[in-house]
């Protein structure tokens, strides 16, 4: 009888550790940025547009900024925009998102050179664009800049699954 009690007790002691390990969200991998980034070619400039989320915020930002960016991304759609023009370019920071017949206008915040107007060649552009509500990431959506630049986001099933809320034991 003592031999059968030991495995049961060991299992009971190790079960909470196993469940805790399962509840830990996946660490940002090498594709954390690539899975959620698209390129927009706009007025001779290529801009990288990244969907900010719980995986990408870990790679892009450091504390305490990452905590506020994670909170923002959980409440609304947030994009991080970056690029470096190879020639002087006219930049518009007027972004919209279209999904399911609805258009959302973004509010831009410049980190560096992310303002309407001319940007000299070689000057890095960094900025954040926030939208008033979250888009449904399981459905395609289009990000537009100005009147001529656009890119469609169609996330892979794996990228969508990586953002799913982690179920915690006992809930």
N, C-alpha and C. Protein backbone atom coordinates (compact mmCIF):
# COMPACT_ATOMS: atom_id res chain seq x y z
N UNK A 1 0.82 -1.19 0.00
CA UNK A 1 0.00 0.00 0.00
C UNK A 1 0.86 1.26 0.00
N UNK A 2 1.98 1.24 0.74
CA UNK A 2 2.85 2.41 0.79
C UNK A 2 3.43 2.72 -0.58
N UNK A 3 3.69 1.69 -1.39
CA UNK A 3 4.26 1.91 -2.72
C UNK A 3 3.25 2.60 -3.64
N UNK A 4 1.96 2.36 -3.48
CA UNK A 4 0.97 2.99 -4.33
C UNK A 4 0.63 4.41 -3.88
N UNK A 5 0.89 4.75 -2.63
CA UNK A 5 0.62 6.10 -2.13
C UNK A 5 1.68 7.09 -2.63
N UNK A 6 2.92 6.67 -2.73
CA UNK A 6 4.01 7.56 -3.13
C UNK A 6 3.78 8.16 -4.52
N UNK A 7 3.46 7.38 -5.56
CA UNK A 7 3.21 8.00 -6.87
C UNK A 7 2.02 8.96 -6.86
N UNK A 8 1.00 8.63 -6.09
CA UNK A 8 -0.17 9.51 -6.02
C UNK A 8 0.21 10.84 -5.36
N UNK A 9 0.94 10.78 -4.25
CA UNK A 9 1.36 12.02 -3.58
C UNK A 9 2.31 12.83 -4.46
N UNK A 10 3.23 12.16 -5.11
CA UNK A 10 4.16 12.85 -6.01
C UNK A 10 3.39 13.56 -7.13
N UNK A 11 2.42 12.85 -7.71
CA UNK A 11 1.60 13.45 -8.76
C UNK A 11 0.83 14.65 -8.27
N UNK A 12 0.30 14.58 -7.07
CA UNK A 12 -0.47 15.69 -6.52
C UNK A 12 0.42 16.90 -6.26
N UNK A 13 1.66 16.66 -5.87
CA UNK A 13 2.59 17.77 -5.62
C UNK A 13 3.11 18.38 -6.91
N UNK A 14 3.28 17.56 -7.94
CA UNK A 14 3.82 18.07 -9.20
C UNK A 14 2.75 18.65 -10.12
N UNK A 15 1.50 18.30 -9.94
CA UNK A 15 0.42 18.79 -10.79
C UNK A 15 0.34 20.32 -10.83
N UNK A 16 0.37 21.02 -9.67
CA UNK A 16 0.31 22.49 -9.75
C UNK A 16 1.49 23.08 -10.52
N UNK A 17 2.68 22.50 -10.41
CA UNK A 17 3.83 23.01 -11.17
C UNK A 17 3.62 22.80 -12.66
N UNK A 18 3.08 21.63 -13.03
CA UNK A 18 2.81 21.36 -14.43
C UNK A 18 1.77 22.33 -14.99
N UNK A 19 0.70 22.55 -14.25
CA UNK A 19 -0.34 23.47 -14.71
C UNK A 19 0.17 24.90 -14.81
N UNK A 20 1.01 25.30 -13.87
CA UNK A 20 1.58 26.65 -13.92
C UNK A 20 2.46 26.81 -15.15
N UNK A 21 3.21 25.78 -15.48
CA UNK A 21 4.06 25.84 -16.67
C UNK A 21 3.21 25.93 -17.93
N UNK A 22 2.06 25.27 -17.96
CA UNK A 22 1.18 25.31 -19.12
C UNK A 22 0.51 26.67 -19.26
N UNK A 23 0.28 27.39 -18.16
CA UNK A 23 -0.42 28.67 -18.20
C UNK A 23 0.48 29.82 -18.60
N UNK A 24 1.79 29.59 -18.63
CA UNK A 24 2.72 30.66 -19.00
C UNK A 24 2.58 30.96 -20.47
N UNK A 25 2.39 32.24 -20.84
CA UNK A 25 2.24 32.56 -22.26
C UNK A 25 3.54 32.27 -23.00
N UNK A 26 3.44 31.98 -24.30
CA UNK A 26 4.64 31.66 -25.06
C UNK A 26 5.58 32.85 -25.09
N UNK A 27 6.86 32.56 -24.98
CA UNK A 27 7.86 33.62 -25.04
C UNK A 27 7.92 34.15 -26.46
N UNK A 28 8.23 35.45 -26.61
CA UNK A 28 8.33 35.98 -27.96
C UNK A 28 9.44 35.26 -28.71
N UNK A 29 9.10 34.67 -29.82
CA UNK A 29 10.08 33.94 -30.61
C UNK A 29 10.64 34.83 -31.71
N UNK A 30 11.44 34.23 -32.59
CA UNK A 30 12.04 35.01 -33.66
C UNK A 30 11.01 35.58 -34.63
N UNK A 31 9.82 35.00 -34.71
CA UNK A 31 8.78 35.49 -35.61
C UNK A 31 7.82 36.45 -34.93
N UNK A 32 8.07 36.80 -33.68
CA UNK A 32 7.14 37.67 -32.96
C UNK A 32 6.90 38.97 -33.72
N UNK A 33 7.91 39.51 -34.34
CA UNK A 33 7.73 40.74 -35.11
C UNK A 33 7.29 40.43 -36.55
N UNK A 34 7.89 39.45 -37.17
CA UNK A 34 7.59 39.14 -38.58
C UNK A 34 6.14 38.73 -38.77
N UNK A 35 5.57 37.99 -37.83
CA UNK A 35 4.20 37.52 -37.96
C UNK A 35 3.18 38.66 -37.99
N UNK A 36 3.54 39.80 -37.42
CA UNK A 36 2.58 40.91 -37.27
C UNK A 36 3.03 42.18 -37.99
N UNK A 37 4.01 42.07 -38.90
CA UNK A 37 4.53 43.23 -39.62
C UNK A 37 4.21 43.12 -41.10
N UNK A 38 3.81 44.24 -41.68
CA UNK A 38 3.59 44.32 -43.12
C UNK A 38 4.30 45.58 -43.62
N UNK A 39 4.57 45.61 -44.92
CA UNK A 39 5.26 46.75 -45.54
C UNK A 39 4.29 47.55 -46.40
N UNK A 40 4.39 48.88 -46.29
CA UNK A 40 3.63 49.77 -47.17
C UNK A 40 4.64 50.58 -47.97
N UNK A 41 4.50 50.51 -49.29
CA UNK A 41 5.32 51.36 -50.15
C UNK A 41 4.51 52.62 -50.40
N UNK A 42 5.11 53.75 -50.04
CA UNK A 42 4.37 55.00 -50.05
C UNK A 42 5.31 56.12 -50.48
N UNK A 43 5.04 56.79 -51.57
CA UNK A 43 5.79 57.95 -52.04
C UNK A 43 7.30 57.71 -52.01
N UNK A 44 7.74 56.57 -52.55
CA UNK A 44 9.16 56.28 -52.59
C UNK A 44 9.75 55.87 -51.25
N UNK A 45 8.90 55.58 -50.31
CA UNK A 45 9.32 55.23 -48.96
C UNK A 45 8.65 53.91 -48.58
N UNK A 46 9.40 53.02 -47.97
CA UNK A 46 8.82 51.78 -47.48
C UNK A 46 8.69 51.89 -45.96
N UNK A 47 7.46 51.77 -45.49
CA UNK A 47 7.20 51.83 -44.05
C UNK A 47 6.85 50.44 -43.55
N UNK A 48 7.45 50.05 -42.45
CA UNK A 48 7.08 48.82 -41.77
C UNK A 48 5.97 49.16 -40.79
N UNK A 49 4.88 48.42 -40.88
CA UNK A 49 3.72 48.64 -40.02
C UNK A 49 3.55 47.39 -39.18
N UNK A 50 3.65 47.54 -37.87
CA UNK A 50 3.60 46.41 -36.96
C UNK A 50 2.37 46.51 -36.07
N UNK A 51 1.61 45.43 -35.99
CA UNK A 51 0.47 45.37 -35.10
C UNK A 51 0.99 45.13 -33.69
N UNK A 52 0.81 46.10 -32.80
CA UNK A 52 1.29 45.98 -31.43
C UNK A 52 0.32 45.09 -30.66
N UNK A 53 0.87 44.08 -29.98
CA UNK A 53 0.07 43.13 -29.21
C UNK A 53 0.91 42.57 -28.07
N UNK A 54 0.38 41.62 -27.36
CA UNK A 54 1.07 41.09 -26.18
C UNK A 54 2.41 40.44 -26.51
N UNK A 55 2.58 39.94 -27.72
CA UNK A 55 3.87 39.34 -28.11
C UNK A 55 4.86 40.39 -28.58
N UNK A 56 4.42 41.31 -29.42
CA UNK A 56 5.35 42.28 -29.99
C UNK A 56 5.78 43.34 -28.99
N UNK A 57 4.92 43.66 -28.04
CA UNK A 57 5.28 44.68 -27.04
C UNK A 57 6.49 44.24 -26.23
N UNK A 58 6.63 42.93 -26.00
CA UNK A 58 7.76 42.41 -25.24
C UNK A 58 9.08 42.62 -25.97
N UNK A 59 9.04 42.60 -27.30
CA UNK A 59 10.24 42.76 -28.10
C UNK A 59 10.57 44.24 -28.32
N UNK A 60 9.55 45.05 -28.51
CA UNK A 60 9.75 46.45 -28.88
C UNK A 60 10.07 47.40 -27.74
N UNK A 61 9.46 47.17 -26.60
CA UNK A 61 9.53 48.16 -25.53
C UNK A 61 10.13 47.59 -24.26
N UNK A 62 10.66 48.50 -23.43
CA UNK A 62 11.18 48.12 -22.12
C UNK A 62 10.30 48.74 -21.06
N UNK A 63 10.38 48.18 -19.85
CA UNK A 63 9.62 48.73 -18.72
C UNK A 63 10.06 50.17 -18.48
N UNK A 64 9.21 51.06 -18.10
CA UNK A 64 7.79 50.92 -17.82
C UNK A 64 6.91 51.14 -19.06
N UNK A 65 7.52 51.53 -20.19
CA UNK A 65 6.75 51.81 -21.40
C UNK A 65 5.98 50.59 -21.88
N UNK A 66 6.59 49.41 -21.77
CA UNK A 66 5.91 48.22 -22.29
C UNK A 66 4.60 47.94 -21.57
N UNK A 67 4.51 48.31 -20.29
CA UNK A 67 3.27 48.07 -19.55
C UNK A 67 2.14 48.96 -20.05
N UNK A 68 2.44 50.22 -20.33
CA UNK A 68 1.40 51.11 -20.83
C UNK A 68 1.03 50.75 -22.27
N UNK A 69 2.02 50.33 -23.08
CA UNK A 69 1.72 49.94 -24.46
C UNK A 69 0.90 48.65 -24.49
N UNK A 70 1.19 47.72 -23.59
CA UNK A 70 0.40 46.48 -23.53
C UNK A 70 -1.04 46.81 -23.17
N UNK A 71 -1.22 47.71 -22.20
CA UNK A 71 -2.58 48.11 -21.79
C UNK A 71 -3.31 48.77 -22.96
N UNK A 72 -2.64 49.65 -23.68
CA UNK A 72 -3.27 50.29 -24.84
C UNK A 72 -3.67 49.27 -25.89
N UNK A 73 -2.74 48.35 -26.20
CA UNK A 73 -2.99 47.35 -27.24
C UNK A 73 -4.10 46.38 -26.84
N UNK A 74 -4.33 46.20 -25.55
CA UNK A 74 -5.43 45.34 -25.11
C UNK A 74 -6.78 46.02 -25.25
N UNK A 75 -6.80 47.35 -25.30
CA UNK A 75 -8.05 48.10 -25.36
C UNK A 75 -8.41 48.59 -26.76
N UNK A 76 -7.41 48.77 -27.60
CA UNK A 76 -7.64 49.35 -28.93
C UNK A 76 -6.60 48.80 -29.89
N UNK A 77 -6.73 49.11 -31.16
CA UNK A 77 -5.73 48.70 -32.14
C UNK A 77 -4.61 49.73 -32.14
N UNK A 78 -3.38 49.22 -32.02
CA UNK A 78 -2.20 50.09 -32.00
C UNK A 78 -1.21 49.57 -33.04
N UNK A 79 -0.68 50.50 -33.84
CA UNK A 79 0.34 50.18 -34.83
C UNK A 79 1.62 50.92 -34.50
N UNK A 80 2.74 50.25 -34.71
CA UNK A 80 4.06 50.89 -34.62
C UNK A 80 4.54 51.02 -36.05
N UNK A 81 4.93 52.23 -36.45
CA UNK A 81 5.33 52.50 -37.83
C UNK A 81 6.79 52.94 -37.83
N UNK A 82 7.57 52.35 -38.77
CA UNK A 82 8.97 52.70 -38.85
C UNK A 82 9.44 52.63 -40.29
N UNK A 83 10.38 53.48 -40.63
CA UNK A 83 10.98 53.45 -41.96
C UNK A 83 12.11 54.45 -42.05
N UNK A 84 12.91 54.33 -43.11
CA UNK A 84 13.99 55.28 -43.38
C UNK A 84 13.96 55.57 -44.87
N UNK A 85 13.61 56.80 -45.24
CA UNK A 85 13.54 57.11 -46.68
C UNK A 85 14.93 57.14 -47.32
N UNK A 86 15.02 56.65 -48.55
CA UNK A 86 16.28 56.69 -49.28
C UNK A 86 16.44 58.02 -50.04
N UNK A 87 15.33 58.74 -50.15
CA UNK A 87 15.34 60.08 -50.76
C UNK A 87 14.38 60.94 -49.95
N UNK A 88 14.46 62.25 -50.11
CA UNK A 88 13.52 63.12 -49.40
C UNK A 88 12.11 62.72 -49.79
N UNK A 89 11.27 62.52 -48.80
CA UNK A 89 9.91 62.05 -49.05
C UNK A 89 8.90 62.90 -48.31
N UNK A 90 7.71 63.01 -48.91
CA UNK A 90 6.60 63.68 -48.25
C UNK A 90 5.85 62.62 -47.45
N UNK A 91 5.75 62.82 -46.16
CA UNK A 91 5.12 61.84 -45.29
C UNK A 91 3.77 62.34 -44.81
N UNK A 92 2.81 61.43 -44.80
CA UNK A 92 1.52 61.70 -44.16
C UNK A 92 1.41 60.74 -42.99
N UNK A 93 0.98 61.25 -41.85
CA UNK A 93 0.77 60.34 -40.72
C UNK A 93 -0.73 60.12 -40.49
N UNK A 94 -1.52 60.30 -41.56
CA UNK A 94 -2.97 60.06 -41.51
C UNK A 94 -3.22 58.60 -41.88
N UNK A 95 -3.44 57.76 -40.89
CA UNK A 95 -3.68 56.33 -41.10
C UNK A 95 -5.13 56.00 -40.84
N UNK A 96 -5.64 55.05 -41.63
CA UNK A 96 -6.97 54.50 -41.39
C UNK A 96 -6.88 52.98 -41.46
N UNK A 97 -7.85 52.34 -40.84
CA UNK A 97 -8.00 50.90 -40.94
C UNK A 97 -9.41 50.64 -41.46
N UNK A 98 -9.51 49.74 -42.44
CA UNK A 98 -10.80 49.33 -42.97
C UNK A 98 -10.99 47.84 -42.71
N UNK A 99 -12.15 47.51 -42.16
CA UNK A 99 -12.50 46.11 -41.93
C UNK A 99 -14.01 45.97 -41.94
N UNK A 100 -14.49 45.06 -42.74
CA UNK A 100 -15.92 44.78 -42.78
C UNK A 100 -16.77 45.99 -43.10
N UNK A 101 -16.31 46.86 -43.99
CA UNK A 101 -17.07 48.04 -44.38
C UNK A 101 -16.96 49.21 -43.41
N UNK A 102 -16.24 49.04 -42.31
CA UNK A 102 -16.07 50.11 -41.33
C UNK A 102 -14.67 50.71 -41.48
N UNK A 103 -14.58 52.03 -41.36
CA UNK A 103 -13.30 52.73 -41.43
C UNK A 103 -13.02 53.40 -40.09
N UNK A 104 -11.82 53.15 -39.57
CA UNK A 104 -11.38 53.77 -38.32
C UNK A 104 -10.25 54.73 -38.62
N UNK A 105 -10.33 55.94 -38.10
CA UNK A 105 -9.26 56.92 -38.25
C UNK A 105 -8.30 56.80 -37.08
N UNK A 106 -7.01 56.84 -37.39
CA UNK A 106 -5.99 56.72 -36.35
C UNK A 106 -5.52 58.07 -35.83
N UNK A 107 -4.99 58.03 -34.63
CA UNK A 107 -4.35 59.20 -34.02
C UNK A 107 -2.87 58.90 -33.92
N UNK A 108 -2.05 59.74 -34.56
CA UNK A 108 -0.62 59.49 -34.64
C UNK A 108 0.15 60.20 -33.55
N UNK A 109 1.19 59.53 -33.05
CA UNK A 109 2.12 60.11 -32.09
C UNK A 109 3.52 59.89 -32.64
N UNK A 110 4.27 60.97 -32.77
CA UNK A 110 5.62 60.88 -33.30
C UNK A 110 6.62 60.49 -32.22
N UNK A 111 7.42 59.50 -32.52
CA UNK A 111 8.58 59.19 -31.69
C UNK A 111 9.78 59.90 -32.30
N UNK A 112 9.88 59.82 -33.65
CA UNK A 112 10.95 60.52 -34.36
C UNK A 112 10.53 60.73 -35.81
N UNK A 113 10.44 61.98 -36.22
CA UNK A 113 10.15 62.37 -37.60
C UNK A 113 8.83 61.84 -38.15
N UNK A 114 7.89 61.48 -37.31
CA UNK A 114 6.61 60.94 -37.77
C UNK A 114 5.58 62.06 -37.81
N UNK A 115 5.85 63.04 -38.69
CA UNK A 115 4.98 64.20 -38.81
C UNK A 115 4.66 64.42 -40.29
N UNK A 116 3.54 65.11 -40.54
CA UNK A 116 3.19 65.44 -41.91
C UNK A 116 4.24 66.37 -42.48
N UNK A 117 4.65 66.09 -43.71
CA UNK A 117 5.61 66.97 -44.37
C UNK A 117 6.82 66.21 -44.89
N UNK A 118 7.82 66.96 -45.28
CA UNK A 118 9.02 66.38 -45.88
C UNK A 118 9.92 65.76 -44.81
N UNK A 119 10.42 64.59 -45.14
CA UNK A 119 11.39 63.91 -44.29
C UNK A 119 12.65 63.72 -45.13
N UNK A 120 13.80 64.22 -44.64
CA UNK A 120 15.04 64.09 -45.41
C UNK A 120 15.47 62.64 -45.57
N UNK A 121 16.21 62.37 -46.65
CA UNK A 121 16.74 61.04 -46.89
C UNK A 121 17.61 60.61 -45.71
N UNK A 122 17.51 59.35 -45.34
CA UNK A 122 18.34 58.80 -44.28
C UNK A 122 17.86 59.08 -42.87
N UNK A 123 16.80 59.87 -42.70
CA UNK A 123 16.27 60.18 -41.37
C UNK A 123 15.23 59.13 -40.98
N UNK A 124 15.50 58.41 -39.91
CA UNK A 124 14.59 57.35 -39.46
C UNK A 124 13.26 57.94 -39.01
N UNK A 125 12.18 57.22 -39.34
CA UNK A 125 10.83 57.60 -38.97
C UNK A 125 10.32 56.56 -37.99
N UNK A 126 9.83 57.00 -36.85
CA UNK A 126 9.24 56.11 -35.85
C UNK A 126 7.98 56.77 -35.31
N UNK A 127 6.92 55.99 -35.18
CA UNK A 127 5.70 56.55 -34.62
C UNK A 127 4.71 55.47 -34.22
N UNK A 128 3.73 55.91 -33.48
CA UNK A 128 2.65 55.05 -33.00
C UNK A 128 1.34 55.60 -33.57
N UNK A 129 0.47 54.71 -34.02
CA UNK A 129 -0.86 55.11 -34.47
C UNK A 129 -1.87 54.30 -33.66
N UNK A 130 -2.79 54.99 -33.01
CA UNK A 130 -3.81 54.35 -32.18
C UNK A 130 -5.18 54.55 -32.81
N UNK A 131 -5.98 53.51 -32.76
CA UNK A 131 -7.33 53.54 -33.31
C UNK A 131 -8.33 53.37 -32.18
N UNK A 132 -9.54 53.91 -32.33
CA UNK A 132 -10.47 53.96 -31.20
C UNK A 132 -11.00 52.61 -30.71
N UNK A 133 -10.85 51.56 -31.52
CA UNK A 133 -11.31 50.25 -31.05
C UNK A 133 -10.45 49.16 -31.67
N UNK A 134 -10.59 47.96 -31.15
CA UNK A 134 -9.83 46.83 -31.65
C UNK A 134 -10.47 46.27 -32.92
N UNK A 135 -9.61 45.88 -33.85
CA UNK A 135 -10.10 45.17 -35.03
C UNK A 135 -10.16 43.69 -34.67
N UNK A 136 -10.91 42.94 -35.45
CA UNK A 136 -10.99 41.49 -35.28
C UNK A 136 -9.82 40.89 -36.04
N UNK A 137 -8.79 40.44 -35.30
CA UNK A 137 -7.58 39.96 -35.95
C UNK A 137 -7.78 38.64 -36.69
N UNK A 138 -8.90 37.98 -36.46
CA UNK A 138 -9.17 36.73 -37.16
C UNK A 138 -9.70 36.98 -38.58
N UNK A 139 -9.99 38.24 -38.88
CA UNK A 139 -10.49 38.61 -40.21
C UNK A 139 -9.52 39.60 -40.84
N UNK A 140 -9.42 39.58 -42.18
CA UNK A 140 -8.51 40.53 -42.85
C UNK A 140 -8.91 41.97 -42.58
N UNK A 141 -7.90 42.84 -42.49
CA UNK A 141 -8.14 44.28 -42.40
C UNK A 141 -7.06 44.99 -43.19
N UNK A 142 -7.39 46.19 -43.65
CA UNK A 142 -6.48 46.96 -44.50
C UNK A 142 -6.05 48.22 -43.76
N UNK A 143 -4.74 48.47 -43.75
CA UNK A 143 -4.18 49.69 -43.18
C UNK A 143 -3.84 50.59 -44.36
N UNK A 144 -4.32 51.83 -44.28
CA UNK A 144 -4.06 52.81 -45.35
C UNK A 144 -3.35 54.02 -44.78
N UNK A 145 -2.45 54.57 -45.60
CA UNK A 145 -1.78 55.83 -45.27
C UNK A 145 -2.04 56.79 -46.43
N UNK A 146 -2.53 57.97 -46.09
CA UNK A 146 -2.84 58.92 -47.14
C UNK A 146 -3.80 58.34 -48.15
N UNK A 147 -3.67 58.77 -49.40
CA UNK A 147 -4.58 58.30 -50.43
C UNK A 147 -3.98 57.18 -51.28
N UNK A 148 -2.67 56.94 -51.15
CA UNK A 148 -2.04 56.01 -52.09
C UNK A 148 -1.42 54.76 -51.47
N UNK A 149 -1.14 54.74 -50.21
CA UNK A 149 -0.46 53.58 -49.63
C UNK A 149 -1.40 52.71 -48.83
N UNK A 150 -1.32 51.39 -49.04
CA UNK A 150 -2.15 50.48 -48.26
C UNK A 150 -1.52 49.10 -48.21
N UNK A 151 -1.90 48.35 -47.19
CA UNK A 151 -1.47 46.97 -47.06
C UNK A 151 -2.56 46.21 -46.32
N UNK A 152 -2.77 44.97 -46.74
CA UNK A 152 -3.77 44.14 -46.07
C UNK A 152 -3.09 43.21 -45.08
N UNK A 153 -3.65 43.15 -43.89
CA UNK A 153 -3.20 42.22 -42.86
C UNK A 153 -4.11 41.00 -42.89
N UNK A 154 -3.53 39.84 -43.13
CA UNK A 154 -4.21 38.57 -43.00
C UNK A 154 -3.28 37.73 -42.13
N UNK A 155 -3.62 37.59 -40.87
CA UNK A 155 -2.75 36.87 -39.95
C UNK A 155 -2.93 35.37 -40.12
N UNK A 156 -1.84 34.65 -39.94
CA UNK A 156 -1.89 33.19 -40.03
C UNK A 156 -2.63 32.63 -38.82
N UNK A 157 -3.18 31.43 -38.95
CA UNK A 157 -3.85 30.82 -37.79
C UNK A 157 -2.91 30.70 -36.58
N UNK A 158 -1.63 30.44 -36.83
CA UNK A 158 -0.67 30.33 -35.73
C UNK A 158 -0.48 31.68 -35.03
N UNK A 159 -0.40 32.77 -35.81
CA UNK A 159 -0.23 34.10 -35.23
C UNK A 159 -1.45 34.50 -34.42
N UNK A 160 -2.63 34.12 -34.88
CA UNK A 160 -3.87 34.41 -34.14
C UNK A 160 -3.90 33.60 -32.85
N UNK A 161 -3.56 32.33 -32.95
CA UNK A 161 -3.57 31.46 -31.78
C UNK A 161 -2.58 31.93 -30.72
N UNK A 162 -1.44 32.46 -31.14
CA UNK A 162 -0.42 32.94 -30.19
C UNK A 162 -0.92 34.12 -29.37
N UNK A 163 -1.95 34.81 -29.86
CA UNK A 163 -2.49 35.95 -29.13
C UNK A 163 -3.72 35.61 -28.30
N UNK A 164 -4.17 34.37 -28.39
CA UNK A 164 -5.36 33.96 -27.63
C UNK A 164 -5.06 34.04 -26.13
N UNK A 165 -6.04 34.47 -25.35
CA UNK A 165 -5.83 34.53 -23.90
C UNK A 165 -5.50 33.14 -23.35
N UNK A 166 -4.58 33.11 -22.41
CA UNK A 166 -4.17 31.86 -21.81
C UNK A 166 -5.14 31.51 -20.70
N UNK A 167 -5.68 30.30 -20.75
CA UNK A 167 -6.60 29.85 -19.71
C UNK A 167 -5.81 29.55 -18.44
N UNK A 168 -6.30 30.09 -17.33
CA UNK A 168 -5.62 29.84 -16.05
C UNK A 168 -6.36 28.73 -15.31
N UNK A 169 -5.61 27.86 -14.65
CA UNK A 169 -6.25 26.76 -13.94
C UNK A 169 -7.17 27.28 -12.84
N UNK A 170 -8.26 26.57 -12.64
CA UNK A 170 -9.18 26.91 -11.55
C UNK A 170 -10.20 27.98 -11.89
N UNK A 171 -10.23 28.42 -13.15
CA UNK A 171 -11.20 29.45 -13.54
C UNK A 171 -12.20 28.90 -14.49
